[in-house]
Amino acid sequence: MGVPVMAVSRLRRFIHGLATLAARADPTAPPDDPPRPEIGQEAPPGPSPTAPDAGLAGSSPTESPGQPTVATVEVVEAAPQPELPPTPPDARLQTGLWHIRHREWGRAQRALEEIVRRDAKCEAGAYLAEVRAVRRCLRQLSRWPRDPQLHLELGRLYFGLELGDEALHEFKQVVQIEPGLAEGHFYLAVEYLFRGDEEAARGACERARQLNPDLPSYDVLEGRLSDSQERREPARQQAG
């Protein structure tokens, strides 16, 4: 996947739409902890020259380890998204994204909450939902470090936030803890595909399909990745 880019690209959203993880959430899960001040963190830089795309909203994982979590993968056809004209960078949002890139989740949440308070419909709301979900997963994993569903959800959140190394680590944790969980192998294959590691991606995808034949094949994943890249090229040429 290369160097993480602090925006959820249309390309990643397209691939992400190939499989939507439907997890059974616990309605009794406690609300997010109040934000706490963090000590010893460096100050964020000024606005980035790159305008971010909209983020992906994360779903809440199961709170209680006593209740088994049932997870399935639903294969959906992702409709092509039209290319939008570039928008000026938002300095406040860029500050929040900077905190995300440095995994300063409390500061990121506070920065994004300030934006959402002023404009509830802005794109920062999607990032805020993901940051809250990340913090929730981290709290729960501190109590249940070998819960594969929590690692899977956290990996998906990292994946959507372009934190590829963190996502890869979580997906590896999933398949180590529960080798029979098809979704872990599938998302591991998608992450490897973005990194250009064809051999690893193919192997993980084949293992996932052995466990769940309804999942997309490696050729389908690779083909749709190529198609989405080709659709983006004309837009890039026009922008240049």
Protein backbone atom coordinates (compact mmCIF):
# COMPACT_ATOMS: atom_id res chain seq x y z
CA MET A 1 0.00 0.00 0.00
CA GLY A 2 2.98 2.29 0.39
CA VAL A 3 3.08 5.41 2.51
CA PRO A 4 -0.25 5.99 4.29
CA VAL A 5 -2.25 8.86 2.84
CA MET A 6 -4.46 10.68 5.28
CA ALA A 7 -7.61 10.43 3.22
CA VAL A 8 -9.87 7.53 2.36
CA SER A 9 -9.39 7.32 -1.40
CA ARG A 10 -12.17 6.45 -3.80
CA LEU A 11 -10.12 3.46 -4.84
CA ARG A 12 -10.06 2.03 -1.32
CA ARG A 13 -13.78 2.71 -0.88
CA PHE A 14 -14.42 0.79 -4.11
CA ILE A 15 -12.51 -2.27 -2.93
CA HIS A 16 -13.98 -1.97 0.55
CA GLY A 17 -17.43 -2.26 -1.03
CA LEU A 18 -16.66 -5.76 -2.24
CA ALA A 19 -17.28 -7.16 1.21
CA THR A 20 -19.25 -5.54 4.02
CA LEU A 21 -18.70 -7.13 7.39
CA ALA A 22 -22.04 -7.42 9.21
CA ALA A 23 -21.29 -7.87 12.89
CA ARG A 24 -23.93 -8.26 15.59
CA ALA A 25 -23.46 -5.25 17.88
CA ASP A 26 -24.24 -5.28 21.58
CA PRO A 27 -26.89 -2.59 22.31
CA THR A 28 -25.78 -2.44 25.96
CA ALA A 29 -22.24 -1.32 25.13
CA PRO A 30 -21.23 1.71 27.26
CA PRO A 31 -20.71 5.12 25.62
CA ASP A 32 -17.29 6.46 24.72
CA ASP A 33 -15.02 7.55 27.54
CA PRO A 34 -14.77 11.33 27.95
CA PRO A 35 -11.67 12.73 26.20
CA ARG A 36 -8.60 13.02 28.37
CA PRO A 37 -5.70 15.47 27.92
CA GLU A 38 -2.58 13.87 26.51
CA ILE A 39 0.86 14.82 27.74
CA GLY A 40 4.09 15.09 25.81
CA GLN A 41 2.61 15.17 22.30
CA GLU A 42 4.12 17.37 19.62
CA ALA A 43 2.08 20.23 18.24
CA PRO A 44 0.37 19.62 14.87
CA PRO A 45 1.67 21.38 11.78
CA GLY A 46 -0.23 23.82 9.61
CA PRO A 47 -2.74 22.91 6.92
CA SER A 48 -1.84 20.19 4.45
CA PRO A 49 -1.98 21.09 0.75
CA THR A 50 -3.99 17.96 0.01
CA ALA A 51 -7.75 17.96 0.41
CA PRO A 52 -9.09 14.76 2.02
CA ASP A 53 -11.90 12.63 0.73
CA ALA A 54 -14.76 11.63 2.95
CA GLY A 55 -14.10 8.86 5.48
CA LEU A 56 -15.84 5.61 6.11
CA ALA A 57 -18.01 5.27 9.16
CA GLY A 58 -16.96 2.39 11.42
CA SER A 59 -19.38 0.07 13.21
CA SER A 60 -19.19 -0.77 16.89
CA PRO A 61 -17.84 -4.20 17.86
CA THR A 62 -19.36 -6.46 20.52
CA GLU A 63 -18.70 -5.38 24.10
CA SER A 64 -19.20 -8.64 26.01
CA PRO A 65 -16.88 -11.60 25.34
CA GLY A 66 -19.42 -13.92 26.93
CA GLN A 67 -21.82 -13.48 24.01
CA PRO A 68 -20.46 -15.02 20.80
CA THR A 69 -20.20 -12.59 17.94
CA VAL A 70 -21.59 -13.79 14.62
CA ALA A 71 -19.92 -12.24 11.61
CA THR A 72 -20.64 -12.78 7.94
CA VAL A 73 -19.38 -11.27 4.74
CA GLU A 74 -21.93 -9.90 2.33
CA VAL A 75 -20.68 -9.59 -1.23
CA VAL A 76 -22.03 -6.42 -2.80
CA GLU A 77 -21.50 -4.75 -6.14
CA ALA A 78 -19.88 -1.38 -5.58
CA ALA A 79 -21.30 1.25 -7.92
CA PRO A 80 -18.72 3.51 -9.60
CA GLN A 81 -18.44 6.85 -7.86
CA PRO A 82 -18.21 10.03 -9.99
CA GLU A 83 -15.07 12.05 -9.63
CA LEU A 84 -15.69 15.28 -7.74
CA PRO A 85 -13.85 18.55 -8.34
CA PRO A 86 -11.11 19.33 -5.80
CA THR A 87 -12.10 21.37 -2.78
CA PRO A 88 -9.91 23.71 -0.72
CA PRO A 89 -8.25 22.04 2.28
CA ASP A 90 -9.88 22.59 5.66
CA ALA A 91 -7.18 23.51 8.18
CA ARG A 92 -9.21 22.22 11.12
CA LEU A 93 -9.86 18.88 9.43
CA GLN A 94 -6.22 18.55 8.45
CA THR A 95 -5.29 19.02 12.11
CA GLY A 96 -7.62 16.18 13.07
CA LEU A 97 -6.20 13.97 10.35
CA TRP A 98 -2.67 14.76 11.51
CA HIS A 99 -3.58 13.45 14.96
CA ILE A 100 -5.06 10.31 13.35
CA ARG A 101 -1.84 9.70 11.41
CA HIS A 102 0.10 9.88 14.68
CA ARG A 103 -2.47 7.67 16.47
CA GLU A 104 -3.30 10.45 18.93
CA TRP A 105 -6.89 9.32 19.22
CA GLY A 106 -8.01 11.58 22.07
CA ARG A 107 -6.72 14.72 20.38
CA ALA A 108 -8.14 13.60 17.05
CA GLN A 109 -11.56 13.09 18.59
CA ARG A 110 -11.57 16.49 20.24
CA ALA A 111 -10.47 18.24 17.05
CA LEU A 112 -13.13 16.50 14.97
CA GLU A 113 -15.84 17.10 17.57
CA GLU A 114 -15.11 20.83 17.39
CA ILE A 115 -15.66 20.75 13.62
CA VAL A 116 -18.85 18.70 13.86
CA ARG A 117 -20.29 21.03 16.49
CA ARG A 118 -20.13 23.83 13.92
CA ASP A 119 -21.32 21.76 10.98
CA ALA A 120 -23.04 18.47 11.77
CA LYS A 121 -23.16 17.40 8.10
CA CYS A 122 -19.49 17.96 7.23
CA GLU A 123 -17.14 15.16 6.22
CA ALA A 124 -15.40 15.29 9.61
CA GLY A 125 -18.40 13.44 11.03
CA ALA A 126 -17.40 10.23 9.25
CA TYR A 127 -13.85 10.47 10.57
CA LEU A 128 -15.19 11.18 14.05
CA ALA A 129 -17.30 8.01 13.98
CA GLU A 130 -14.23 5.99 13.04
CA VAL A 131 -12.02 7.57 15.69
CA ARG A 132 -14.61 6.85 18.38
CA ALA A 133 -14.87 3.26 17.15
CA VAL A 134 -11.08 2.88 17.22
CA ARG A 135 -10.93 4.10 20.81
CA ARG A 136 -13.76 1.75 21.76
CA CYS A 137 -11.95 -1.22 20.17
CA LEU A 138 -8.70 -0.35 21.92
CA ARG A 139 -10.45 -0.15 25.31
CA GLN A 140 -12.15 -3.48 24.76
CA LEU A 141 -8.96 -5.16 23.55
CA SER A 142 -7.21 -4.06 26.73
CA ARG A 143 -9.71 -6.30 28.54
CA TRP A 144 -10.06 -9.08 25.95
CA PRO A 145 -6.82 -9.09 23.94
CA ARG A 146 -7.60 -12.37 22.17
CA ASP A 147 -11.04 -11.51 20.84
CA PRO A 148 -10.73 -12.05 17.06
CA GLN A 149 -13.80 -9.98 16.24
CA LEU A 150 -12.36 -6.95 18.02
CA HIS A 151 -9.09 -7.31 16.13
CA LEU A 152 -11.02 -7.68 12.88
CA GLU A 153 -13.08 -4.56 13.52
CA LEU A 154 -10.03 -2.56 14.54
CA GLY A 155 -8.20 -3.70 11.40
CA ARG A 156 -11.09 -2.59 9.22
CA LEU A 157 -11.10 0.80 10.90
CA TYR A 158 -7.35 1.21 10.43
CA PHE A 159 -7.74 0.10 6.81
CA GLY A 160 -10.35 2.81 6.18
CA LEU A 161 -8.13 5.42 7.79
CA GLU A 162 -5.19 4.47 5.52
CA LEU A 163 -3.15 3.14 8.44
CA GLY A 164 -1.99 0.15 6.45
CA ASP A 165 0.71 -1.19 8.78
CA GLU A 166 -1.70 -1.15 11.70
CA ALA A 167 -4.42 -2.81 9.62
CA LEU A 168 -2.04 -5.55 8.49
CA HIS A 169 -1.02 -6.22 12.09
CA GLU A 170 -4.64 -6.57 13.23
CA PHE A 171 -5.62 -8.88 10.35
CA LYS A 172 -2.61 -11.07 11.13
CA GLN A 173 -3.74 -11.19 14.74
CA VAL A 174 -7.16 -12.39 13.61
CA VAL A 175 -5.86 -15.35 11.59
CA GLN A 176 -3.42 -16.29 14.36
CA ILE A 177 -6.10 -16.27 17.05
CA GLU A 178 -8.84 -17.87 14.96
CA PRO A 179 -7.47 -19.46 11.76
CA GLY A 180 -10.93 -20.64 10.75
CA LEU A 181 -12.39 -17.14 10.47
CA ALA A 182 -12.76 -16.52 6.73
CA GLU A 183 -13.13 -12.75 7.07
CA GLY A 184 -9.68 -12.43 8.62
CA HIS A 185 -8.04 -14.10 5.63
CA PHE A 186 -10.18 -12.10 3.20
CA TYR A 187 -9.26 -8.67 4.59
CA LEU A 188 -5.65 -9.81 4.85
CA ALA A 189 -5.80 -10.58 1.11
CA VAL A 190 -7.23 -7.13 0.35
CA GLU A 191 -4.47 -5.41 2.34
CA TYR A 192 -1.80 -7.48 0.60
CA LEU A 193 -3.37 -6.63 -2.75
CA PHE A 194 -3.01 -2.91 -2.04
CA ARG A 195 0.62 -3.49 -1.14
CA GLY A 196 1.27 -5.19 -4.46
CA ASP A 197 2.17 -8.52 -2.80
CA GLU A 198 0.41 -10.78 -5.30
CA GLU A 199 1.63 -14.07 -3.86
CA ALA A 200 0.53 -13.27 -0.30
CA ALA A 201 -2.76 -11.79 -1.49
CA ARG A 202 -3.58 -14.83 -3.62
CA GLY A 203 -2.73 -17.24 -0.82
CA ALA A 204 -4.85 -15.39 1.76
CA CYS A 205 -7.75 -15.13 -0.67
CA GLU A 206 -7.64 -18.83 -1.50
CA ARG A 207 -7.66 -19.68 2.20
CA ALA A 208 -10.62 -17.36 2.76
CA ARG A 209 -12.57 -19.04 -0.05
CA GLN A 210 -11.82 -22.47 1.34
CA LEU A 211 -13.56 -21.38 4.51
CA ASN A 212 -16.32 -19.43 2.73
CA PRO A 213 -16.75 -20.16 -1.01
CA ASP A 214 -19.12 -17.20 -1.39
CA LEU A 215 -16.27 -14.72 -1.00
CA PRO A 216 -14.87 -13.04 -4.14
CA SER A 217 -11.96 -14.80 -5.83
CA TYR A 218 -8.52 -13.28 -6.17
CA ASP A 219 -9.10 -12.65 -9.88
CA VAL A 220 -12.28 -10.71 -9.06
CA LEU A 221 -10.48 -8.59 -6.49
CA GLU A 222 -7.56 -7.90 -8.81
CA GLY A 223 -9.84 -7.14 -11.75
CA ARG A 224 -11.94 -4.66 -9.86
CA LEU A 225 -8.85 -2.99 -8.48
CA SER A 226 -7.53 -2.55 -12.02
CA ASP A 227 -10.91 -1.28 -13.27
CA SER A 228 -11.13 1.33 -10.52
CA GLN A 229 -7.59 2.52 -11.26
CA GLU A 230 -8.41 2.92 -14.96
CA ARG A 231 -11.50 4.97 -14.16
CA ARG A 232 -9.39 7.36 -12.08
CA GLU A 233 -6.78 8.00 -14.78
CA PRO A 234 -8.95 10.30 -17.00
CA ALA A 235 -9.84 12.41 -13.95
CA ARG A 236 -6.18 12.76 -13.04
CA GLN A 237 -5.28 13.82 -16.56
CA GLN A 238 -8.03 16.46 -16.57
CA ALA A 239 -6.89 17.76 -13.20
CA GLY A 240 -3.33 18.01 -14.52
